[in-house]
Amino acid sequence: MPEIEFVVRRFVENDCEVTTVVIDPADAQQTLYGTVTQHGRLIGSYHCTDLVRQQGWRIVTATGEYLSLDGVELRPPWEGDAVIVLTTILTGHDQDEIDQRLRDATRPPRR
């Protein structure tokens, strides 16, 4: 049975440390999940719902709940989108600011 290789990768985005666990880094390079911290404080984590296509991400907040707005779970289509949400939107100072940032980001553009 072949041995499966995992690596941990870290990078900084918007003053946040992003840590990812990647399976098969030499070939497929599939991210299993990632965490985001800012100054040692957990902002949240994310994981993939479709490992084969690497799409359909779910975000878990620091309180352990899936990220939602007005009762609707937000599911970014790509890993980069999940990282952006965690490093820019969820770094707000209070829940009202975070909710407003989420509304602004998910509101359809005006024409």
N, C-alpha and C. Protein backbone atom coordinates (compact mmCIF):
# COMPACT_ATOMS: atom_id res chain seq x y z
N MET A 1 0.85 -1.18 0.00
CA MET A 1 0.00 0.00 0.00
C MET A 1 0.89 1.24 0.00
N PRO A 2 0.66 2.18 -0.91
CA PRO A 2 1.51 3.36 -0.98
C PRO A 2 1.29 4.27 0.23
N GLU A 3 2.36 4.91 0.63
CA GLU A 3 2.29 5.84 1.76
C GLU A 3 1.79 7.19 1.25
N ILE A 4 0.85 7.77 1.97
CA ILE A 4 0.30 9.08 1.61
C ILE A 4 1.13 10.16 2.30
N GLU A 5 1.52 11.16 1.54
CA GLU A 5 2.35 12.22 2.09
C GLU A 5 1.50 13.45 2.37
N PHE A 6 1.73 14.05 3.53
CA PHE A 6 1.08 15.29 3.93
C PHE A 6 2.15 16.33 4.22
N VAL A 7 1.87 17.58 3.96
CA VAL A 7 2.75 18.67 4.38
C VAL A 7 1.89 19.78 4.96
N VAL A 8 2.52 20.57 5.80
CA VAL A 8 1.87 21.76 6.36
C VAL A 8 2.53 22.96 5.72
N ARG A 9 1.72 23.85 5.21
CA ARG A 9 2.23 25.08 4.58
C ARG A 9 1.68 26.28 5.34
N ARG A 10 2.52 27.29 5.47
CA ARG A 10 2.12 28.51 6.16
C ARG A 10 2.46 29.71 5.29
N PHE A 11 1.56 30.70 5.33
CA PHE A 11 1.84 31.97 4.67
C PHE A 11 1.06 33.07 5.38
N VAL A 12 1.45 34.31 5.14
CA VAL A 12 0.79 35.45 5.76
C VAL A 12 -0.02 36.18 4.71
N GLU A 13 -1.25 36.51 5.07
CA GLU A 13 -2.16 37.24 4.19
C GLU A 13 -2.91 38.25 5.05
N ASN A 14 -2.80 39.54 4.72
CA ASN A 14 -3.52 40.60 5.43
C ASN A 14 -3.28 40.52 6.95
N ASP A 15 -2.03 40.37 7.34
CA ASP A 15 -1.63 40.31 8.75
C ASP A 15 -2.19 39.09 9.48
N CYS A 16 -2.58 38.07 8.74
CA CYS A 16 -3.08 36.81 9.32
C CYS A 16 -2.15 35.67 8.89
N GLU A 17 -1.98 34.69 9.77
CA GLU A 17 -1.22 33.51 9.41
C GLU A 17 -2.20 32.44 8.94
N VAL A 18 -1.98 31.94 7.73
CA VAL A 18 -2.80 30.88 7.16
C VAL A 18 -1.96 29.61 7.18
N THR A 19 -2.50 28.56 7.77
CA THR A 19 -1.82 27.27 7.84
C THR A 19 -2.69 26.25 7.13
N THR A 20 -2.13 25.54 6.16
CA THR A 20 -2.89 24.55 5.41
C THR A 20 -2.25 23.17 5.54
N VAL A 21 -3.08 22.15 5.49
CA VAL A 21 -2.61 20.78 5.44
C VAL A 21 -2.90 20.28 4.02
N VAL A 22 -1.83 19.89 3.33
CA VAL A 22 -1.91 19.50 1.92
C VAL A 22 -1.56 18.03 1.80
N ILE A 23 -2.39 17.29 1.06
CA ILE A 23 -2.14 15.88 0.80
C ILE A 23 -1.50 15.75 -0.58
N ASP A 24 -0.56 14.84 -0.71
CA ASP A 24 0.12 14.55 -1.98
C ASP A 24 0.73 15.82 -2.58
N PRO A 25 1.64 16.47 -1.84
CA PRO A 25 2.18 17.75 -2.31
C PRO A 25 2.98 17.68 -3.61
N ALA A 26 3.49 16.51 -3.96
CA ALA A 26 4.29 16.39 -5.18
C ALA A 26 3.42 16.33 -6.44
N ASP A 27 2.21 15.81 -6.31
CA ASP A 27 1.37 15.63 -7.49
C ASP A 27 0.07 16.44 -7.40
N ALA A 28 -0.91 15.91 -6.71
CA ALA A 28 -2.25 16.51 -6.70
C ALA A 28 -2.32 17.82 -5.92
N GLN A 29 -1.54 17.96 -4.86
CA GLN A 29 -1.53 19.15 -4.03
C GLN A 29 -2.94 19.57 -3.62
N GLN A 30 -3.64 18.68 -2.96
CA GLN A 30 -5.00 18.96 -2.53
C GLN A 30 -4.99 19.44 -1.08
N THR A 31 -5.60 20.59 -0.85
CA THR A 31 -5.72 21.10 0.51
C THR A 31 -6.86 20.38 1.21
N LEU A 32 -6.56 19.79 2.36
CA LEU A 32 -7.59 19.14 3.15
C LEU A 32 -8.33 20.17 3.99
N TYR A 33 -7.57 21.03 4.67
CA TYR A 33 -8.18 22.09 5.45
C TYR A 33 -7.13 23.13 5.78
N GLY A 34 -7.59 24.25 6.28
CA GLY A 34 -6.69 25.31 6.69
C GLY A 34 -7.24 26.05 7.88
N THR A 35 -6.35 26.72 8.60
CA THR A 35 -6.75 27.56 9.72
C THR A 35 -6.17 28.95 9.52
N VAL A 36 -6.84 29.93 10.10
CA VAL A 36 -6.39 31.31 10.01
C VAL A 36 -6.35 31.89 11.42
N THR A 37 -5.19 32.46 11.77
CA THR A 37 -5.05 33.14 13.05
C THR A 37 -4.53 34.55 12.82
N GLN A 38 -4.82 35.41 13.77
CA GLN A 38 -4.29 36.77 13.71
C GLN A 38 -3.76 37.12 15.10
N HIS A 39 -2.45 37.35 15.19
CA HIS A 39 -1.79 37.64 16.47
C HIS A 39 -2.11 36.56 17.50
N GLY A 40 -2.10 35.30 17.07
CA GLY A 40 -2.31 34.18 17.96
C GLY A 40 -3.78 33.86 18.26
N ARG A 41 -4.70 34.65 17.73
CA ARG A 41 -6.13 34.44 17.97
C ARG A 41 -6.74 33.74 16.77
N LEU A 42 -7.48 32.65 17.03
CA LEU A 42 -8.12 31.92 15.94
C LEU A 42 -9.22 32.77 15.31
N ILE A 43 -9.14 32.94 13.99
CA ILE A 43 -10.20 33.62 13.24
C ILE A 43 -11.20 32.58 12.76
N GLY A 44 -10.71 31.45 12.26
CA GLY A 44 -11.57 30.38 11.79
C GLY A 44 -10.77 29.37 10.98
N SER A 45 -11.50 28.43 10.41
CA SER A 45 -10.87 27.42 9.58
C SER A 45 -11.75 27.15 8.36
N TYR A 46 -11.22 26.38 7.44
CA TYR A 46 -11.99 26.05 6.23
C TYR A 46 -11.61 24.65 5.79
N HIS A 47 -12.55 24.01 5.11
CA HIS A 47 -12.28 22.68 4.57
C HIS A 47 -13.07 22.49 3.28
N CYS A 48 -12.59 21.55 2.49
CA CYS A 48 -13.14 21.32 1.16
C CYS A 48 -14.25 20.27 1.22
N THR A 49 -15.32 20.50 0.45
CA THR A 49 -16.40 19.51 0.38
C THR A 49 -16.27 18.60 -0.83
N ASP A 50 -15.42 18.97 -1.79
CA ASP A 50 -15.19 18.15 -2.98
C ASP A 50 -13.69 18.08 -3.23
N LEU A 51 -13.04 17.11 -2.60
CA LEU A 51 -11.58 17.01 -2.70
C LEU A 51 -11.09 16.73 -4.11
N VAL A 52 -11.87 16.01 -4.90
CA VAL A 52 -11.44 15.68 -6.25
C VAL A 52 -11.31 16.95 -7.10
N ARG A 53 -12.29 17.82 -7.04
CA ARG A 53 -12.30 19.04 -7.85
C ARG A 53 -11.71 20.24 -7.11
N GLN A 54 -11.45 20.09 -5.79
CA GLN A 54 -10.95 21.17 -4.95
C GLN A 54 -11.86 22.39 -5.05
N GLN A 55 -13.14 22.16 -4.84
CA GLN A 55 -14.11 23.27 -4.83
C GLN A 55 -15.19 22.98 -3.81
N GLY A 56 -15.96 24.00 -3.48
CA GLY A 56 -17.02 23.85 -2.50
C GLY A 56 -16.47 23.87 -1.09
N TRP A 57 -16.07 25.02 -0.62
CA TRP A 57 -15.43 25.16 0.69
C TRP A 57 -16.43 25.59 1.75
N ARG A 58 -16.19 25.14 2.96
CA ARG A 58 -17.01 25.54 4.10
C ARG A 58 -16.10 26.23 5.11
N ILE A 59 -16.60 27.27 5.70
CA ILE A 59 -15.83 28.05 6.67
C ILE A 59 -16.43 27.82 8.05
N VAL A 60 -15.56 27.53 9.00
CA VAL A 60 -15.96 27.36 10.39
C VAL A 60 -15.41 28.55 11.18
N THR A 61 -16.28 29.25 11.89
CA THR A 61 -15.86 30.41 12.66
C THR A 61 -15.13 29.97 13.92
N ALA A 62 -14.53 30.93 14.61
CA ALA A 62 -13.80 30.64 15.84
C ALA A 62 -14.72 30.08 16.92
N THR A 63 -16.02 30.30 16.80
CA THR A 63 -16.97 29.76 17.78
C THR A 63 -17.39 28.34 17.45
N GLY A 64 -16.89 27.80 16.33
CA GLY A 64 -17.18 26.41 15.97
C GLY A 64 -18.42 26.22 15.12
N GLU A 65 -18.97 27.30 14.60
CA GLU A 65 -20.16 27.21 13.76
C GLU A 65 -19.80 27.51 12.31
N TYR A 66 -20.57 26.91 11.38
CA TYR A 66 -20.36 27.24 9.98
C TYR A 66 -20.77 28.68 9.74
N LEU A 67 -20.00 29.37 8.91
CA LEU A 67 -20.26 30.77 8.62
C LEU A 67 -21.58 30.92 7.88
N SER A 68 -22.44 31.78 8.41
CA SER A 68 -23.72 32.04 7.76
C SER A 68 -24.06 33.52 7.91
N LEU A 69 -24.95 33.96 7.06
CA LEU A 69 -25.45 35.33 7.10
C LEU A 69 -26.95 35.27 6.95
N ASP A 70 -27.66 35.80 7.91
CA ASP A 70 -29.12 35.79 7.90
C ASP A 70 -29.67 34.38 7.74
N GLY A 71 -29.03 33.42 8.39
CA GLY A 71 -29.51 32.04 8.38
C GLY A 71 -29.12 31.22 7.16
N VAL A 72 -28.35 31.80 6.26
CA VAL A 72 -27.93 31.08 5.05
C VAL A 72 -26.42 30.83 5.14
N GLU A 73 -26.05 29.55 5.05
CA GLU A 73 -24.63 29.21 5.11
C GLU A 73 -23.92 29.72 3.87
N LEU A 74 -22.79 30.36 4.08
CA LEU A 74 -21.98 30.86 2.97
C LEU A 74 -20.94 29.81 2.62
N ARG A 75 -20.89 29.43 1.35
CA ARG A 75 -19.95 28.41 0.87
C ARG A 75 -19.15 28.95 -0.31
N PRO A 76 -17.96 29.46 -0.05
CA PRO A 76 -17.13 29.95 -1.15
C PRO A 76 -16.81 28.82 -2.12
N PRO A 77 -16.79 29.10 -3.42
CA PRO A 77 -16.52 28.04 -4.39
C PRO A 77 -15.07 27.58 -4.42
N TRP A 78 -14.13 28.44 -4.06
CA TRP A 78 -12.71 28.12 -4.19
C TRP A 78 -11.96 28.39 -2.89
N GLU A 79 -10.84 27.72 -2.71
CA GLU A 79 -10.03 27.89 -1.51
C GLU A 79 -9.61 29.34 -1.31
N GLY A 80 -9.17 29.99 -2.36
CA GLY A 80 -8.75 31.38 -2.25
C GLY A 80 -9.86 32.29 -1.75
N ASP A 81 -11.09 32.01 -2.14
CA ASP A 81 -12.23 32.78 -1.66
C ASP A 81 -12.41 32.60 -0.16
N ALA A 82 -12.26 31.37 0.32
CA ALA A 82 -12.38 31.10 1.75
C ALA A 82 -11.30 31.84 2.54
N VAL A 83 -10.09 31.86 2.00
CA VAL A 83 -8.99 32.56 2.66
C VAL A 83 -9.28 34.06 2.71
N ILE A 84 -9.78 34.61 1.63
CA ILE A 84 -10.10 36.04 1.60
C ILE A 84 -11.17 36.38 2.64
N VAL A 85 -12.21 35.55 2.72
CA VAL A 85 -13.26 35.79 3.71
C VAL A 85 -12.66 35.78 5.12
N LEU A 86 -11.84 34.79 5.41
CA LEU A 86 -11.27 34.67 6.75
C LEU A 86 -10.27 35.78 7.07
N THR A 87 -9.48 36.21 6.10
CA THR A 87 -8.42 37.20 6.39
C THR A 87 -8.86 38.64 6.24
N THR A 88 -10.01 38.89 5.62
CA THR A 88 -10.46 40.27 5.47
C THR A 88 -11.79 40.54 6.16
N ILE A 89 -12.75 39.66 5.99
CA ILE A 89 -14.09 39.91 6.53
C ILE A 89 -14.19 39.51 8.00
N LEU A 90 -13.72 38.33 8.35
CA LEU A 90 -13.88 37.86 9.73
C LEU A 90 -12.88 38.45 10.71
N THR A 91 -12.03 39.35 10.24
CA THR A 91 -11.11 40.03 11.15
C THR A 91 -11.71 41.31 11.71
N GLY A 92 -13.00 41.53 11.47
CA GLY A 92 -13.68 42.72 12.01
C GLY A 92 -13.64 42.74 13.53
N HIS A 93 -13.88 43.91 14.08
CA HIS A 93 -13.75 44.09 15.53
C HIS A 93 -14.96 43.61 16.32
N ASP A 94 -16.12 43.59 15.70
CA ASP A 94 -17.31 43.09 16.40
C ASP A 94 -18.26 42.44 15.40
N GLN A 95 -19.27 41.78 15.90
CA GLN A 95 -20.17 41.02 15.03
C GLN A 95 -20.92 41.92 14.04
N ASP A 96 -21.28 43.13 14.46
CA ASP A 96 -21.98 44.04 13.53
C ASP A 96 -21.10 44.39 12.34
N GLU A 97 -19.82 44.67 12.61
CA GLU A 97 -18.89 45.00 11.52
C GLU A 97 -18.70 43.80 10.60
N ILE A 98 -18.57 42.61 11.17
CA ILE A 98 -18.41 41.39 10.37
C ILE A 98 -19.64 41.15 9.51
N ASP A 99 -20.83 41.27 10.10
CA ASP A 99 -22.07 41.07 9.33
C ASP A 99 -22.17 42.07 8.18
N GLN A 100 -21.80 43.32 8.44
CA GLN A 100 -21.88 44.33 7.37
C GLN A 100 -20.88 44.02 6.26
N ARG A 101 -19.68 43.58 6.62
CA ARG A 101 -18.69 43.20 5.61
C ARG A 101 -19.20 42.03 4.77
N LEU A 102 -19.83 41.05 5.43
CA LEU A 102 -20.39 39.91 4.69
C LEU A 102 -21.50 40.36 3.74
N ARG A 103 -22.37 41.24 4.21
CA ARG A 103 -23.46 41.74 3.34
C ARG A 103 -22.87 42.48 2.13
N ASP A 104 -21.88 43.32 2.37
CA ASP A 104 -21.26 44.07 1.28
C ASP A 104 -20.62 43.13 0.27
N ALA A 105 -19.98 42.06 0.76
CA ALA A 105 -19.28 41.13 -0.14
C ALA A 105 -20.24 40.23 -0.91
N THR A 106 -21.41 39.97 -0.37
CA THR A 106 -22.33 39.03 -1.02
C THR A 106 -23.48 39.73 -1.74
N ARG A 107 -23.55 41.04 -1.62
CA ARG A 107 -24.60 41.80 -2.29
C ARG A 107 -24.32 41.87 -3.78
N PRO A 108 -25.32 41.61 -4.61
CA PRO A 108 -25.10 41.72 -6.06
C PRO A 108 -24.69 43.15 -6.43
N PRO A 109 -23.82 43.30 -7.41
CA PRO A 109 -23.38 44.65 -7.79
C PRO A 109 -24.55 45.46 -8.37
N ARG A 110 -24.51 46.76 -8.09
CA ARG A 110 -25.55 47.65 -8.64
C ARG A 110 -25.25 47.96 -10.09
N ARG A 111 -26.30 48.14 -10.84
CA ARG A 111 -26.12 48.48 -12.27
C ARG A 111 -26.50 49.90 -12.53
